[in-house]
Amino acid sequence: MEKVDKMAAGLMWRIMGTIVAFSAFLIGSLIYVGFYTSGFDLTQKVIVVLVALIVAFAAIAIMWVTFAGRRGWMRDRWGS
């Protein structure tokens, strides 16, 4: 029973981390593009937002892959 509670707590922290990471990406990139890139054209502003999105996805993917790897959920997928 304790193992299930530990897993649920770890899962909750990762869900909250995902929400915070995407919120921070959205708020941070829109504030940056809105206030600090007055010399950029539309294409450059879109690229700034896309790069921030890629970084957010990478951070979240690392967080979830480590969670799945510790529980052995990925062994069946890659034959380990």
PDB file of N, CA and C in Angstrom:
ATOM      1  N   MET A   1       0.819  -1.195   0.000  1.00  0.00           N
ATOM      2  CA  MET A   1       0.000   0.000   0.000  1.00  0.00           C
ATOM      3  C   MET A   1       0.863   1.259   0.000  1.00  0.00           C
ATOM      4  N   GLU A   2       1.976   1.205   0.711  1.00  0.00           N
ATOM      5  CA  GLU A   2       2.855   2.368   0.780  1.00  0.00           C
ATOM      6  C   GLU A   2       3.479   2.667  -0.577  1.00  0.00           C
ATOM      7  N   LYS A   3       3.780   1.619  -1.351  1.00  0.00           N
ATOM      8  CA  LYS A   3       4.362   1.813  -2.669  1.00  0.00           C
ATOM      9  C   LYS A   3       3.376   2.521  -3.604  1.00  0.00           C
ATOM     10  N   VAL A   4       2.108   2.177  -3.499  1.00  0.00           N
ATOM     11  CA  VAL A   4       1.082   2.832  -4.317  1.00  0.00           C
ATOM     12  C   VAL A   4       0.966   4.303  -3.930  1.00  0.00           C
ATOM     13  N   ASP A   5       1.020   4.603  -2.644  1.00  0.00           N
ATOM     14  CA  ASP A   5       0.950   5.995  -2.198  1.00  0.00           C
ATOM     15  C   ASP A   5       2.156   6.790  -2.688  1.00  0.00           C
ATOM     16  N   LYS A   6       3.341   6.162  -2.667  1.00  0.00           N
ATOM     17  CA  LYS A   6       4.546   6.837  -3.151  1.00  0.00           C
ATOM     18  C   LYS A   6       4.441   7.124  -4.645  1.00  0.00           C
ATOM     19  N   MET A   7       3.928   6.141  -5.398  1.00  0.00           N
ATOM     20  CA  MET A   7       3.787   6.333  -6.828  1.00  0.00           C
ATOM     21  C   MET A   7       2.767   7.431  -7.126  1.00  0.00           C
ATOM     22  N   ALA A   8       1.675   7.449  -6.387  1.00  0.00           N
ATOM     23  CA  ALA A   8       0.661   8.485  -6.593  1.00  0.00           C
ATOM     24  C   ALA A   8       1.215   9.868  -6.277  1.00  0.00           C
ATOM     25  N   ALA A   9       2.033   9.955  -5.238  1.00  0.00           N
ATOM     26  CA  ALA A   9       2.639  11.251  -4.902  1.00  0.00           C
ATOM     27  C   ALA A   9       3.610  11.686  -5.996  1.00  0.00           C
ATOM     28  N   GLY A  10       4.419  10.762  -6.494  1.00  0.00           N
ATOM     29  CA  GLY A  10       5.343  11.094  -7.584  1.00  0.00           C
ATOM     30  C   GLY A  10       4.613  11.486  -8.850  1.00  0.00           C
ATOM     31  N   LEU A  11       3.518  10.804  -9.110  1.00  0.00           N
ATOM     32  CA  LEU A  11       2.710  11.125 -10.279  1.00  0.00           C
ATOM     33  C   LEU A  11       2.090  12.510 -10.142  1.00  0.00           C
ATOM     34  N   MET A  12       1.609  12.834  -8.953  1.00  0.00           N
ATOM     35  CA  MET A  12       0.996  14.149  -8.725  1.00  0.00           C
ATOM     36  C   MET A  12       2.022  15.262  -8.931  1.00  0.00           C
ATOM     37  N   TRP A  13       3.252  15.078  -8.420  1.00  0.00           N
ATOM     38  CA  TRP A  13       4.284  16.097  -8.598  1.00  0.00           C
ATOM     39  C   TRP A  13       4.621  16.291 -10.070  1.00  0.00           C
ATOM     40  N   ARG A  14       4.639  15.209 -10.839  1.00  0.00           N
ATOM     41  CA  ARG A  14       4.942  15.334 -12.256  1.00  0.00           C
ATOM     42  C   ARG A  14       3.801  16.001 -13.026  1.00  0.00           C
ATOM     43  N   ILE A  15       2.582  15.720 -12.653  1.00  0.00           N
ATOM     44  CA  ILE A  15       1.449  16.395 -13.294  1.00  0.00           C
ATOM     45  C   ILE A  15       1.493  17.890 -13.000  1.00  0.00           C
ATOM     46  N   MET A  16       1.749  18.240 -11.746  1.00  0.00           N
ATOM     47  CA  MET A  16       1.848  19.658 -11.397  1.00  0.00           C
ATOM     48  C   MET A  16       3.038  20.301 -12.102  1.00  0.00           C
ATOM     49  N   GLY A  17       4.141  19.590 -12.213  1.00  0.00           N
ATOM     50  CA  GLY A  17       5.312  20.110 -12.928  1.00  0.00           C
ATOM     51  C   GLY A  17       5.023  20.355 -14.396  1.00  0.00           C
ATOM     52  N   THR A  18       4.248  19.461 -15.000  1.00  0.00           N
ATOM     53  CA  THR A  18       3.871  19.638 -16.401  1.00  0.00           C
ATOM     54  C   THR A  18       3.021  20.889 -16.577  1.00  0.00           C
ATOM     55  N   ILE A  19       2.072  21.076 -15.706  1.00  0.00           N
ATOM     56  CA  ILE A  19       1.203  22.263 -15.792  1.00  0.00           C
ATOM     57  C   ILE A  19       2.021  23.532 -15.579  1.00  0.00           C
ATOM     58  N   VAL A  20       2.900  23.530 -14.599  1.00  0.00           N
ATOM     59  CA  VAL A  20       3.725  24.713 -14.322  1.00  0.00           C
ATOM     60  C   VAL A  20       4.677  24.991 -15.485  1.00  0.00           C
ATOM     61  N   ALA A  21       5.270  23.949 -16.045  1.00  0.00           N
ATOM     62  CA  ALA A  21       6.218  24.150 -17.156  1.00  0.00           C
ATOM     63  C   ALA A  21       5.522  24.748 -18.374  1.00  0.00           C
ATOM     64  N   PHE A  22       4.351  24.218 -18.730  1.00  0.00           N
ATOM     65  CA  PHE A  22       3.645  24.780 -19.881  1.00  0.00           C
ATOM     66  C   PHE A  22       3.137  26.190 -19.601  1.00  0.00           C
ATOM     67  N   SER A  23       2.700  26.454 -18.390  1.00  0.00           N
ATOM     68  CA  SER A  23       2.265  27.805 -18.042  1.00  0.00           C
ATOM     69  C   SER A  23       3.441  28.778 -18.096  1.00  0.00           C
ATOM     70  N   ALA A  24       4.571  28.364 -17.551  1.00  0.00           N
ATOM     71  CA  ALA A  24       5.761  29.219 -17.578  1.00  0.00           C
ATOM     72  C   ALA A  24       6.221  29.461 -19.014  1.00  0.00           C
ATOM     73  N   PHE A  25       6.165  28.417 -19.855  1.00  0.00           N
ATOM     74  CA  PHE A  25       6.519  28.589 -21.265  1.00  0.00           C
ATOM     75  C   PHE A  25       5.620  29.622 -21.921  1.00  0.00           C
ATOM     76  N   LEU A  26       4.328  29.476 -21.726  1.00  0.00           N
ATOM     77  CA  LEU A  26       3.383  30.364 -22.383  1.00  0.00           C
ATOM     78  C   LEU A  26       3.524  31.801 -21.879  1.00  0.00           C
ATOM     79  N   ILE A  27       3.556  31.974 -20.584  1.00  0.00           N
ATOM     80  CA  ILE A  27       3.667  33.321 -20.015  1.00  0.00           C
ATOM     81  C   ILE A  27       5.003  33.952 -20.368  1.00  0.00           C
ATOM     82  N   GLY A  28       6.074  33.198 -20.169  1.00  0.00           N
ATOM     83  CA  GLY A  28       7.411  33.744 -20.429  1.00  0.00           C
ATOM     84  C   GLY A  28       7.637  34.114 -21.878  1.00  0.00           C
ATOM     85  N   SER A  29       7.261  33.227 -22.784  1.00  0.00           N
ATOM     86  CA  SER A  29       7.513  33.525 -24.195  1.00  0.00           C
ATOM     87  C   SER A  29       6.625  34.658 -24.695  1.00  0.00           C
ATOM     88  N   LEU A  30       5.380  34.727 -24.229  1.00  0.00           N
ATOM     89  CA  LEU A  30       4.514  35.812 -24.686  1.00  0.00           C
ATOM     90  C   LEU A  30       4.935  37.163 -24.106  1.00  0.00           C
ATOM     91  N   ILE A  31       5.390  37.183 -22.866  1.00  0.00           N
ATOM     92  CA  ILE A  31       5.902  38.440 -22.299  1.00  0.00           C
ATOM     93  C   ILE A  31       7.162  38.873 -23.043  1.00  0.00           C
ATOM     94  N   TYR A  32       8.058  37.922 -23.298  1.00  0.00           N
ATOM     95  CA  TYR A  32       9.286  38.260 -24.017  1.00  0.00           C
ATOM     96  C   TYR A  32       8.979  38.795 -25.418  1.00  0.00           C
ATOM     97  N   VAL A  33       8.136  38.092 -26.149  1.00  0.00           N
ATOM     98  CA  VAL A  33       7.802  38.517 -27.511  1.00  0.00           C
ATOM     99  C   VAL A  33       7.020  39.833 -27.489  1.00  0.00           C
ATOM    100  N   GLY A  34       6.172  39.996 -26.506  1.00  0.00           N
ATOM    101  CA  GLY A  34       5.350  41.202 -26.464  1.00  0.00           C
ATOM    102  C   GLY A  34       6.099  42.468 -26.087  1.00  0.00           C
ATOM    103  N   PHE A  35       7.097  42.341 -25.204  1.00  0.00           N
ATOM    104  CA  PHE A  35       7.738  43.536 -24.674  1.00  0.00           C
ATOM    105  C   PHE A  35       9.206  43.729 -25.051  1.00  0.00           C
ATOM    106  N   TYR A  36       9.919  42.666 -25.377  1.00  0.00           N
ATOM    107  CA  TYR A  36      11.365  42.782 -25.555  1.00  0.00           C
ATOM    108  C   TYR A  36      11.855  42.542 -26.969  1.00  0.00           C
ATOM    109  N   THR A  37      10.992  42.280 -27.916  1.00  0.00           N
ATOM    110  CA  THR A  37      11.428  42.000 -29.282  1.00  0.00           C
ATOM    111  C   THR A  37      10.831  43.001 -30.260  1.00  0.00           C
ATOM    112  N   SER A  38      10.934  44.261 -29.950  1.00  0.00           N
ATOM    113  CA  SER A  38      10.322  45.274 -30.817  1.00  0.00           C
ATOM    114  C   SER A  38      11.003  45.341 -32.179  1.00  0.00           C
ATOM    115  N   GLY A  39      12.266  44.951 -32.266  1.00  0.00           N
ATOM    116  CA  GLY A  39      12.968  44.984 -33.545  1.00  0.00           C
ATOM    117  C   GLY A  39      12.800  43.724 -34.375  1.00  0.00           C
ATOM    118  N   PHE A  40      12.097  42.726 -33.867  1.00  0.00           N
ATOM    119  CA  PHE A  40      11.920  41.461 -34.591  1.00  0.00           C
ATOM    120  C   PHE A  40      10.695  41.553 -35.503  1.00  0.00           C
ATOM    121  N   ASP A  41      10.762  40.847 -36.632  1.00  0.00           N
ATOM    122  CA  ASP A  41       9.557  40.740 -37.453  1.00  0.00           C
ATOM    123  C   ASP A  41       8.737  39.532 -36.985  1.00  0.00           C
ATOM    124  N   LEU A  42       7.606  39.294 -37.623  1.00  0.00           N
ATOM    125  CA  LEU A  42       6.684  38.245 -37.171  1.00  0.00           C
ATOM    126  C   LEU A  42       7.335  36.862 -37.212  1.00  0.00           C
ATOM    127  N   THR A  43       8.113  36.579 -38.242  1.00  0.00           N
ATOM    128  CA  THR A  43       8.760  35.267 -38.353  1.00  0.00           C
ATOM    129  C   THR A  43       9.713  35.027 -37.190  1.00  0.00           C
ATOM    130  N   GLN A  44      10.485  36.016 -36.832  1.00  0.00           N
ATOM    131  CA  GLN A  44      11.425  35.867 -35.721  1.00  0.00           C
ATOM    132  C   GLN A  44      10.692  35.681 -34.397  1.00  0.00           C
ATOM    133  N   LYS A  45       9.584  36.370 -34.218  1.00  0.00           N
ATOM    134  CA  LYS A  45       8.804  36.211 -32.991  1.00  0.00           C
ATOM    135  C   LYS A  45       8.207  34.810 -32.899  1.00  0.00           C
ATOM    136  N   VAL A  46       7.729  34.282 -34.015  1.00  0.00           N
ATOM    137  CA  VAL A  46       7.195  32.918 -34.029  1.00  0.00           C
ATOM    138  C   VAL A  46       8.298  31.915 -33.715  1.00  0.00           C
ATOM    139  N   ILE A  47       9.489  32.133 -34.244  1.00  0.00           N
ATOM    140  CA  ILE A  47      10.614  31.235 -33.974  1.00  0.00           C
ATOM    141  C   ILE A  47      10.983  31.267 -32.496  1.00  0.00           C
ATOM    142  N   VAL A  48      10.951  32.427 -31.875  1.00  0.00           N
ATOM    143  CA  VAL A  48      11.232  32.531 -30.436  1.00  0.00           C
ATOM    144  C   VAL A  48      10.236  31.690 -29.642  1.00  0.00           C
ATOM    145  N   VAL A  49       8.961  31.785 -29.979  1.00  0.00           N
ATOM    146  CA  VAL A  49       7.939  31.004 -29.277  1.00  0.00           C
ATOM    147  C   VAL A  49       8.123  29.511 -29.538  1.00  0.00           C
ATOM    148  N   LEU A  50       8.442  29.127 -30.768  1.00  0.00           N
ATOM    149  CA  LEU A  50       8.650  27.710 -31.083  1.00  0.00           C
ATOM    150  C   LEU A  50       9.857  27.124 -30.359  1.00  0.00           C
ATOM    151  N   VAL A  51      10.930  27.878 -30.264  1.00  0.00           N
ATOM    152  CA  VAL A  51      12.106  27.393 -29.530  1.00  0.00           C
ATOM    153  C   VAL A  51      11.776  27.219 -28.050  1.00  0.00           C
ATOM    154  N   ALA A  52      11.041  28.147 -27.488  1.00  0.00           N
ATOM    155  CA  ALA A  52      10.622  28.014 -26.088  1.00  0.00           C
ATOM    156  C   ALA A  52       9.730  26.788 -25.911  1.00  0.00           C
ATOM    157  N   LEU A  53       8.868  26.527 -26.866  1.00  0.00           N
ATOM    158  CA  LEU A  53       8.004  25.343 -26.812  1.00  0.00           C
ATOM    159  C   LEU A  53       8.821  24.057 -26.883  1.00  0.00           C
ATOM    160  N   ILE A  54       9.820  24.019 -27.727  1.00  0.00           N
ATOM    161  CA  ILE A  54      10.685  22.839 -27.832  1.00  0.00           C
ATOM    162  C   ILE A  54      11.426  22.594 -26.524  1.00  0.00           C
ATOM    163  N   VAL A  55      11.920  23.645 -25.904  1.00  0.00           N
ATOM    164  CA  VAL A  55      12.615  23.504 -24.615  1.00  0.00           C
ATOM    165  C   VAL A  55      11.656  22.998 -23.541  1.00  0.00           C
ATOM    166  N   ALA A  56      10.432  23.519 -23.531  1.00  0.00           N
ATOM    167  CA  ALA A  56       9.438  23.056 -22.556  1.00  0.00           C
ATOM    168  C   ALA A  56       9.103  21.586 -22.775  1.00  0.00           C
ATOM    169  N   PHE A  57       8.898  21.178 -24.023  1.00  0.00           N
ATOM    170  CA  PHE A  57       8.625  19.773 -24.312  1.00  0.00           C
ATOM    171  C   PHE A  57       9.779  18.879 -23.889  1.00  0.00           C
ATOM    172  N   ALA A  58      11.013  19.318 -24.130  1.00  0.00           N
ATOM    173  CA  ALA A  58      12.178  18.513 -23.750  1.00  0.00           C
ATOM    174  C   ALA A  58      12.253  18.329 -22.238  1.00  0.00           C
ATOM    175  N   ALA A  59      12.031  19.395 -21.494  1.00  0.00           N
ATOM    176  CA  ALA A  59      12.078  19.294 -20.034  1.00  0.00           C
ATOM    177  C   ALA A  59      10.986  18.372 -19.509  1.00  0.00           C
ATOM    178  N   ILE A  60       9.800  18.486 -20.062  1.00  0.00           N
ATOM    179  CA  ILE A  60       8.692  17.634 -19.624  1.00  0.00           C
ATOM    180  C   ILE A  60       8.922  16.185 -20.033  1.00  0.00           C
ATOM    181  N   ALA A  61       9.462  15.975 -21.227  1.00  0.00           N
ATOM    182  CA  ALA A  61       9.744  14.606 -21.665  1.00  0.00           C
ATOM    183  C   ALA A  61      10.767  13.934 -20.764  1.00  0.00           C
ATOM    184  N   ILE A  62      11.806  14.657 -20.373  1.00  0.00           N
ATOM    185  CA  ILE A  62      12.810  14.094 -19.467  1.00  0.00           C
ATOM    186  C   ILE A  62      12.164  13.724 -18.138  1.00  0.00           C
ATOM    187  N   MET A  63      11.300  14.576 -17.640  1.00  0.00           N
ATOM    188  CA  MET A  63      10.636  14.307 -16.371  1.00  0.00           C
ATOM    189  C   MET A  63       9.780  13.045 -16.448  1.00  0.00           C
ATOM    190  N   TRP A  64       9.022  12.869 -17.513  1.00  0.00           N
ATOM    191  CA  TRP A  64       8.136  11.712 -17.627  1.00  0.00           C
ATOM    192  C   TRP A  64       8.890  10.437 -17.996  1.00  0.00           C
ATOM    193  N   VAL A  65       9.957  10.535 -18.781  1.00  0.00           N
ATOM    194  CA  VAL A  65      10.738   9.342 -19.125  1.00  0.00           C
ATOM    195  C   VAL A  65      11.433   8.783 -17.896  1.00  0.00           C
ATOM    196  N   THR A  66      11.942   9.653 -17.036  1.00  0.00           N
ATOM    197  CA  THR A  66      12.568   9.149 -15.810  1.00  0.00           C
ATOM    198  C   THR A  66      11.537   8.496 -14.903  1.00  0.00           C
ATOM    199  N   PHE A  67      10.327   9.013 -14.879  1.00  0.00           N
ATOM    200  CA  PHE A  67       9.259   8.409 -14.083  1.00  0.00           C
ATOM    201  C   PHE A  67       8.912   7.016 -14.618  1.00  0.00           C
ATOM    202  N   ALA A  68       8.763   6.899 -15.918  1.00  0.00           N
ATOM    203  CA  ALA A  68       8.412   5.606 -16.519  1.00  0.00           C
ATOM    204  C   ALA A  68       9.573   4.630 -16.435  1.00  0.00           C
ATOM    205  N   GLY A  69      10.788   5.121 -16.569  1.00  0.00           N
ATOM    206  CA  GLY A  69      11.953   4.239 -16.509  1.00  0.00           C
ATOM    207  C   GLY A  69      12.150   3.616 -15.146  1.00  0.00           C
ATOM    208  N   ARG A  70      11.879   4.349 -14.105  1.00  0.00           N
ATOM    209  CA  ARG A  70      12.033   3.818 -12.747  1.00  0.00           C
ATOM    210  C   ARG A  70      11.022   2.727 -12.429  1.00  0.00           C
ATOM    211  N   ARG A  71       9.915   2.747 -13.103  1.00  0.00           N
ATOM    212  CA  ARG A  71       8.874   1.763 -12.830  1.00  0.00           C
ATOM    213  C   ARG A  71       8.903   0.584 -13.787  1.00  0.00           C
ATOM    214  N   GLY A  72       9.833   0.591 -14.731  1.00  0.00           N
ATOM    215  CA  GLY A  72       9.968  -0.511 -15.662  1.00  0.00           C
ATOM    216  C   GLY A  72       8.940  -0.513 -16.774  1.00  0.00           C
ATOM    217  N   TRP A  73       8.278   0.593 -16.999  1.00  0.00           N
ATOM    218  CA  TRP A  73       7.238   0.636 -18.021  1.00  0.00           C
ATOM    219  C   TRP A  73       7.812   0.687 -19.427  1.00  0.00           C
ATOM    220  N   MET A  74       9.084   1.031 -19.585  1.00  0.00           N
ATOM    221  CA  MET A  74       9.661   1.169 -20.909  1.00  0.00           C
ATOM    222  C   MET A  74      10.434  -0.064 -21.338  1.00  0.00           C
ATOM    223  N   ARG A  75      10.663  -0.996 -20.463  1.00  0.00           N
ATOM    224  CA  ARG A  75      11.438  -2.185 -20.822  1.00  0.00           C
ATOM    225  C   ARG A  75      10.753  -3.008 -21.901  1.00  0.00           C
ATOM    226  N   ASP A  76       9.452  -3.109 -21.837  1.00  0.00           N
ATOM    227  CA  ASP A  76       8.713  -3.874 -22.831  1.00  0.00           C
ATOM    228  C   ASP A  76       8.770  -3.205 -24.205  1.00  0.00           C
ATOM    229  N   ARG A  77       8.910  -1.925 -24.244  1.00  0.00           N
ATOM    230  CA  ARG A  77       8.895  -1.183 -25.518  1.00  0.00           C
ATOM    231  C   ARG A  77      10.208  -1.335 -26.291  1.00  0.00           C
ATOM    232  N   TRP A  78      11.340  -1.381 -25.558  1.00  0.00           N
ATOM    233  CA  TRP A  78      12.638  -1.392 -26.231  1.00  0.00           C
ATOM    234  C   TRP A  78      13.408  -2.701 -26.031  1.00  0.00           C
ATOM    235  N   GLY A  79      12.764  -3.699 -25.518  1.00  0.00           N
ATOM    236  CA  GLY A  79      13.361  -5.020 -25.437  1.00  0.00           C
ATOM    237  C   GLY A  79      14.434  -5.192 -24.374  1.00  0.00           C
ATOM    238  N   SER A  80      14.477  -4.346 -23.393  1.00  0.00           N
ATOM    239  CA  SER A  80      15.493  -4.479 -22.334  1.00  0.00           C
ATOM    240  C   SER A  80      15.013  -5.415 -21.255  1.00  0.00           C
TER     241      SER A  80
END
